Protein backbone atom coordinates (compact mmCIF):
# COMPACT_ATOMS: atom_id res chain seq x y z
CA MET A 1 161.38 126.13 85.48
CA ALA A 2 158.42 125.56 83.08
CA VAL A 3 155.76 125.56 85.83
CA GLU A 4 156.67 129.47 86.24
CA PHE A 5 154.99 130.06 83.39
CA PHE A 6 152.84 127.34 82.64
CA THR A 7 150.98 128.32 85.95
CA ARG A 8 150.61 132.05 84.89
CA ASN A 9 149.23 131.08 81.52
CA LEU A 10 146.77 128.02 81.92
CA THR A 11 144.68 128.88 79.26
CA TYR A 12 147.60 127.71 76.65
CA PHE A 13 147.24 124.12 77.60
CA THR A 14 143.56 124.04 78.67
CA PRO A 15 141.84 123.38 76.21
CA GLU A 16 138.78 125.70 75.40
CA HIS A 17 139.61 127.38 79.41
CA LEU A 18 137.36 124.04 80.31
CA TYR A 19 139.90 122.38 82.46
CA HIS A 20 141.75 125.31 84.12
CA GLY A 21 141.21 123.45 87.71
CA VAL A 22 142.33 119.96 86.70
CA VAL A 23 145.87 121.74 85.57
CA LEU A 24 146.10 123.53 88.83
CA GLU A 25 145.42 120.65 90.58
CA LEU A 26 147.91 118.48 89.45
CA PHE A 27 150.71 120.95 90.22
CA LYS A 28 149.28 121.23 93.64
CA ASP A 29 148.71 117.52 94.27
CA PHE A 30 152.28 116.60 92.36
CA PRO A 31 154.51 119.40 93.13
CA GLU A 32 157.56 116.80 91.16
CA ILE A 33 155.75 117.35 87.95
CA THR A 34 158.00 120.24 87.49
CA TRP A 35 161.04 117.64 86.74
CA LEU A 36 159.63 117.51 83.57
CA GLY A 37 160.42 121.10 82.68
CA ASP A 38 164.08 120.32 83.57
CA THR A 39 166.67 120.20 80.39
CA GLU A 40 167.43 116.23 80.94
CA VAL A 41 164.35 114.56 80.15
CA LEU A 42 164.46 111.50 77.84
CA THR A 43 162.30 112.38 74.83
CA SER A 44 160.03 110.02 73.40
CA LEU A 45 161.11 109.05 70.05
CA GLY A 46 158.64 110.71 67.27
CA ALA A 47 158.57 113.79 69.26
CA TYR A 48 160.36 115.77 66.43
CA ASP A 49 158.64 114.20 63.14
CA ASP A 50 157.39 117.68 63.00
CA SER A 51 160.38 119.84 64.32
CA ASN A 52 159.45 122.75 61.68
CA LYS A 53 156.66 123.08 63.70
CA PRO A 54 156.77 124.97 67.13
CA GLY A 55 155.13 123.26 69.82
CA TRP A 56 152.48 124.92 72.31
CA SER A 57 155.01 125.44 74.96
CA ASP A 58 157.65 127.10 72.86
CA ARG A 59 154.85 129.58 71.80
CA LEU A 60 153.96 129.93 75.20
CA ALA A 61 157.78 130.37 76.16
CA ASN A 62 158.26 133.11 73.15
CA SER A 63 154.87 134.96 74.37
CA ASN A 64 156.53 135.44 77.84
CA HIS A 65 159.93 136.36 76.17
CA ILE A 66 161.63 133.69 77.92
CA LYS A 67 165.33 132.94 76.23
CA PRO A 68 164.52 129.82 73.75
CA HIS A 69 166.21 126.78 75.02
CA PRO A 70 168.93 125.21 72.26
CA ARG A 71 167.05 122.27 72.18
CA LYS A 72 164.12 122.13 70.75
CA ARG A 73 160.75 121.56 72.49
CA LYS A 74 161.96 121.69 75.96
CA TYR A 75 158.71 120.48 77.29
CA VAL A 76 157.47 117.96 75.32
CA GLU A 77 157.10 115.28 78.11
CA LEU A 78 155.33 118.14 80.42
CA GLU A 79 153.26 118.40 77.24
CA LYS A 80 152.10 114.71 76.91
CA VAL A 81 151.51 114.14 80.68
CA LEU A 82 149.50 117.15 80.98
CA SER A 83 147.06 116.37 77.53
CA ALA A 84 147.01 112.87 78.76
CA ILE A 85 145.33 113.86 81.76
CA ILE A 86 143.21 116.22 80.28
CA LEU A 87 142.20 113.78 77.54
CA PHE A 88 141.24 111.18 80.26
CA THR A 89 138.92 113.89 81.76
CA ILE A 90 137.53 114.60 78.55
CA ILE A 91 136.75 110.92 77.71
CA TYR A 92 135.20 110.44 81.41
CA ASP A 93 132.86 113.33 80.44
CA GLY A 94 131.82 111.41 77.88
CA ARG A 95 129.30 113.85 76.45
CA PHE A 96 128.89 114.70 72.61
CA GLU A 97 130.48 118.52 73.34
CA ALA A 98 133.35 116.80 75.14
CA TYR A 99 133.92 113.81 71.70
CA GLU A 100 133.67 117.40 69.24
CA LEU A 101 136.72 118.51 71.34
CA PHE A 102 138.70 115.43 71.59
CA ILE A 103 138.55 114.73 67.89
CA LYS A 104 139.10 118.83 67.04
CA PRO A 105 142.79 118.32 65.93
CA GLN A 106 141.70 115.27 63.97
CA LYS A 107 139.42 117.02 61.43
CA GLU A 108 142.29 119.32 60.26
CA LEU A 109 144.40 116.06 58.90
CA THR A 110 143.74 114.28 55.53
CA HIS A 111 143.67 110.43 54.77
CA ILE A 112 142.17 108.99 58.19
CA ALA A 113 138.80 108.09 59.84
CA LEU A 114 138.04 110.05 62.50
CA LEU A 115 137.45 108.51 65.83
CA GLU A 116 133.47 107.73 65.88
CA TYR A 117 131.19 109.17 68.53
CA LYS A 118 129.98 105.75 69.28
CA GLU A 119 133.56 104.30 69.92
CA PHE A 120 134.42 107.25 71.72
CA LYS A 121 131.51 106.32 73.98
CA ARG A 122 132.59 103.00 74.29
CA LEU A 123 135.60 104.21 75.81
CA SER A 124 133.76 106.58 78.17
CA ASN A 125 131.66 103.95 79.59
CA LEU A 126 134.47 101.51 80.03
CA THR A 127 136.25 104.51 82.27
CA ARG A 128 133.22 104.89 84.13
CA ARG A 129 132.63 101.53 84.76
CA ILE A 130 135.93 100.94 85.81
CA THR A 131 136.40 103.77 88.00
CA LYS A 132 133.33 103.96 89.55
CA ASP A 133 133.35 107.61 90.20
CA GLN A 134 135.97 106.80 92.93
CA PHE A 135 138.26 109.37 93.43
CA ALA A 136 140.87 107.16 94.45
CA LYS A 137 140.54 105.36 91.77
CA LYS A 138 139.89 108.40 89.26
CA GLN A 139 143.83 109.34 91.42
CA ALA A 140 145.40 106.24 90.39
CA VAL A 141 144.83 106.74 86.98
CA ARG A 142 146.27 110.57 86.82
CA ALA A 143 149.22 109.33 89.09
CA ALA A 144 150.05 106.55 86.96
CA LEU A 145 150.18 109.19 83.80
CA ILE A 146 152.34 111.36 85.75
CA TYR A 147 154.58 108.48 87.21
CA TYR A 148 155.11 107.06 83.89
CA GLY A 149 156.32 110.49 82.64
CA LEU A 150 158.28 110.96 85.71
CA CYS A 151 160.41 107.95 84.94
CA ARG A 152 162.37 110.29 82.10
CA THR A 153 163.28 112.74 84.41
CA GLN A 154 166.82 112.58 85.71
CA PRO A 155 166.10 113.07 89.57
CA VAL A 156 163.81 109.83 89.32
CA ARG A 157 166.72 107.75 87.32
CA ASP A 158 169.03 108.82 89.50
CA LYS A 159 167.23 108.14 92.98
CA ALA A 160 166.02 104.67 90.96
CA LEU A 161 169.58 103.99 90.22
CA SER A 162 170.91 104.63 93.81
CA HIS A 163 168.54 101.82 95.40
CA GLY A 164 170.19 99.48 93.02
CA ILE A 165 167.54 99.61 89.52
CA GLU A 166 169.42 100.02 86.62
CA ILE A 167 166.80 100.00 84.21
CA PHE A 168 166.86 102.44 80.90
CA GLU A 169 163.18 101.79 79.19
CA PRO A 170 161.21 104.35 81.62
CA ASP A 171 157.95 102.03 81.44
CA TYR A 172 159.95 99.10 82.66
CA LEU A 173 161.62 101.51 85.47
CA LEU A 174 158.29 102.58 86.55
CA GLU A 175 157.24 98.70 86.66
CA ALA A 176 160.45 97.87 88.96
CA ILE A 177 159.98 100.83 90.84
CA MET A 178 156.58 99.74 91.97
CA GLN A 179 157.79 96.81 92.98
CA GLN A 180 159.86 98.23 96.02
CA THR A 181 159.17 98.78 99.54
CA ASP A 182 156.81 101.80 99.99
CA GLU A 183 159.92 103.53 101.72
CA VAL A 184 161.74 103.28 98.17
CA ILE A 185 159.06 104.24 96.55
CA ILE A 186 158.52 107.60 98.12
CA ASP A 187 162.31 108.15 98.04
CA ILE A 188 162.14 107.84 94.40
CA LEU A 189 158.52 109.64 93.99
CA PRO A 190 158.09 111.55 96.82
CA GLY A 191 154.37 112.47 96.05
CA TYR A 192 153.44 108.64 96.41
CA ASP A 193 153.46 109.07 100.05
CA THR A 194 150.39 111.82 99.68
CA LEU A 195 147.99 109.26 98.05
CA LEU A 196 145.57 107.35 99.16
CA THR A 197 146.10 103.93 100.12
CA THR A 198 143.80 102.08 97.67
CA THR A 199 145.26 104.47 95.34
CA GLN A 200 148.85 103.38 96.03
CA VAL A 201 147.34 99.48 95.70
CA LEU A 202 145.95 100.25 92.75
CA ILE A 203 149.09 101.68 90.95
CA LYS A 204 151.35 98.76 91.91
CA LYS A 205 148.89 96.69 90.18
CA ILE A 206 147.84 98.33 87.02
CA THR A 207 151.90 98.82 86.23
CA GLN A 208 152.33 95.00 86.44
CA ILE A 209 151.59 95.89 82.78
CA SER A 210 153.41 98.57 82.55
CA ALA A 211 155.71 97.30 79.44
CA MET A 212 151.90 97.62 77.85
CA PRO A 213 151.56 94.52 75.82
CA PHE A 214 148.43 95.84 74.39
CA GLU A 215 151.09 98.50 72.03
CA ARG A 216 153.48 95.43 71.46
CA ILE A 217 149.97 93.30 70.18
CA TYR A 218 149.10 96.29 68.26
CA TYR A 219 152.88 96.43 66.25
CA MET A 220 153.20 92.60 66.07
CA GLN A 221 149.67 91.83 64.81
CA GLY A 222 148.67 90.10 67.41
CA ASN A 223 151.60 87.62 67.88
CA ALA A 224 149.99 84.78 70.37
CA ASP A 225 153.41 85.21 72.58
CA LEU A 226 152.85 88.68 72.97
CA PHE A 227 149.47 87.66 74.85
CA ALA A 228 150.79 85.39 77.11
CA ALA A 229 151.72 88.22 79.57
CA PHE A 230 147.75 88.80 79.80
CA PHE A 231 146.94 85.14 80.25
CA ASP A 232 149.80 83.60 82.22
CA GLY A 233 148.93 86.87 84.60
CA LEU A 234 145.02 86.05 84.60
CA LYS A 235 145.86 82.04 85.17
CA SER A 236 148.42 82.32 88.02
CA GLY A 237 146.00 85.34 89.68
CA GLU A 238 148.88 88.11 89.59
CA LEU A 239 146.28 89.98 87.12
CA ASP A 240 142.54 90.55 86.84
CA MET A 241 140.71 91.81 84.51
CA GLU A 242 140.24 95.44 86.36
CA THR A 243 144.04 95.72 86.49
CA ILE A 244 143.73 95.01 82.52
CA HIS A 245 141.12 97.65 81.92
CA PHE A 246 142.92 100.24 83.59
CA GLY A 247 146.08 99.23 82.05
CA PHE A 248 143.90 99.41 78.75
CA LEU A 249 142.46 102.71 79.64
CA ILE A 250 146.08 104.21 80.25
CA GLN A 251 147.27 103.18 77.33
CA MET A 252 144.64 104.87 75.29
CA CYS A 253 144.93 108.22 77.41
CA ARG A 254 148.81 107.90 76.52
CA LEU A 255 148.17 107.16 72.88
CA ALA A 256 145.55 110.09 72.58
CA ALA A 257 148.48 112.79 73.86
CA LYS A 258 151.15 111.14 71.91
CA LYS A 259 151.57 114.19 69.48
CA ALA A 260 150.40 116.71 72.34
CA TYR A 261 153.60 119.21 71.64
CA ILE A 262 151.84 119.88 68.45
CA SER A 263 148.53 120.83 70.05
CA ASN A 264 146.88 120.99 73.40
CA LEU A 265 143.26 120.94 71.75
CA GLY A 266 142.38 117.04 71.44
CA SER A 267 144.08 114.03 70.34
CA HIS A 268 145.34 113.71 66.70
CA THR A 269 146.56 110.02 67.46
CA LEU A 270 143.25 108.16 68.58
CA GLN A 271 141.93 107.79 65.39
CA GLN A 272 139.11 105.09 64.18
CA GLY A 273 141.46 102.84 62.70
CA ASN A 274 144.02 102.51 65.50
CA PHE A 275 141.18 102.70 68.50
CA ASN A 276 139.50 99.52 66.58
CA ILE A 277 142.16 97.49 66.61
CA TYR A 278 143.20 97.96 70.51
CA TRP A 279 139.58 97.57 71.20
CA LYS A 280 139.64 93.84 69.60
CA ILE A 281 142.76 93.14 71.29
CA LEU A 282 140.70 93.95 74.55
CA LYS A 283 137.61 91.90 73.48
CA LEU A 284 139.71 89.15 72.57
CA ILE A 285 141.63 89.23 76.00
CA GLU A 286 137.71 89.41 77.54
CA GLU A 287 136.31 86.37 75.81
CA VAL A 288 139.11 83.89 76.83
CA THR A 289 139.22 85.25 80.55
CA TYR A 290 135.77 85.07 80.74
CA ASP A 291 135.07 81.83 79.00
């Protein structure tokens, strides 16, 4: 099980040894996160683009004389979830030192525009504004990031199927799970029962847009039909801007951790170019809503 050596060697995935406590807390509060160390985890597309380069969990396993698994990068999704939460912590921090840590791997890339500090600060300010330094709201972000990952694991998928939820796509699966009764949710995601009630309510709201129209709008270059998920929800009252802001933040954290299997230090993928587009999408939604 991945947790056996990850918890013994936390400095491998706590950037600059600064976020040791963050990861310890995750394993304590969400013990089911160890399911991401199983062999039957759905690995997202693109995770093997650099398959000639070992991931940091591979190096960690080798350093502990653990027999390599036949499948390369056994812990890709665990790496991505842990990194997304660490990057959320870095974004929330917002200081220039945190920014330097965030863009560290981007400095090694060529032909890309580094995420600028002013944009990092914009994202940090949004994060602080919507979480309001409230434990329940920060817990909701962490839990949502973990649950998106857990929907790739066999235990969650098997349990969901036993309750008649036949959905393959992990993001849509989480949305469907969160529409069930609390009893069913707890049966599928046991740690849900330990969350604050206000956290549970917020997670259910956030996952209303779990299919993440932000990403689909980004790739479809603003197709008007894709904005309907936001505008229709806002018009009917099923969505509010707080929910959309949380959905945006979670999308940014997941995007930032997309290549966490290469390095646990900062973000390769949340660069100036794609951040600008995502930010414009958010601003357009705000303008239409507030008008």
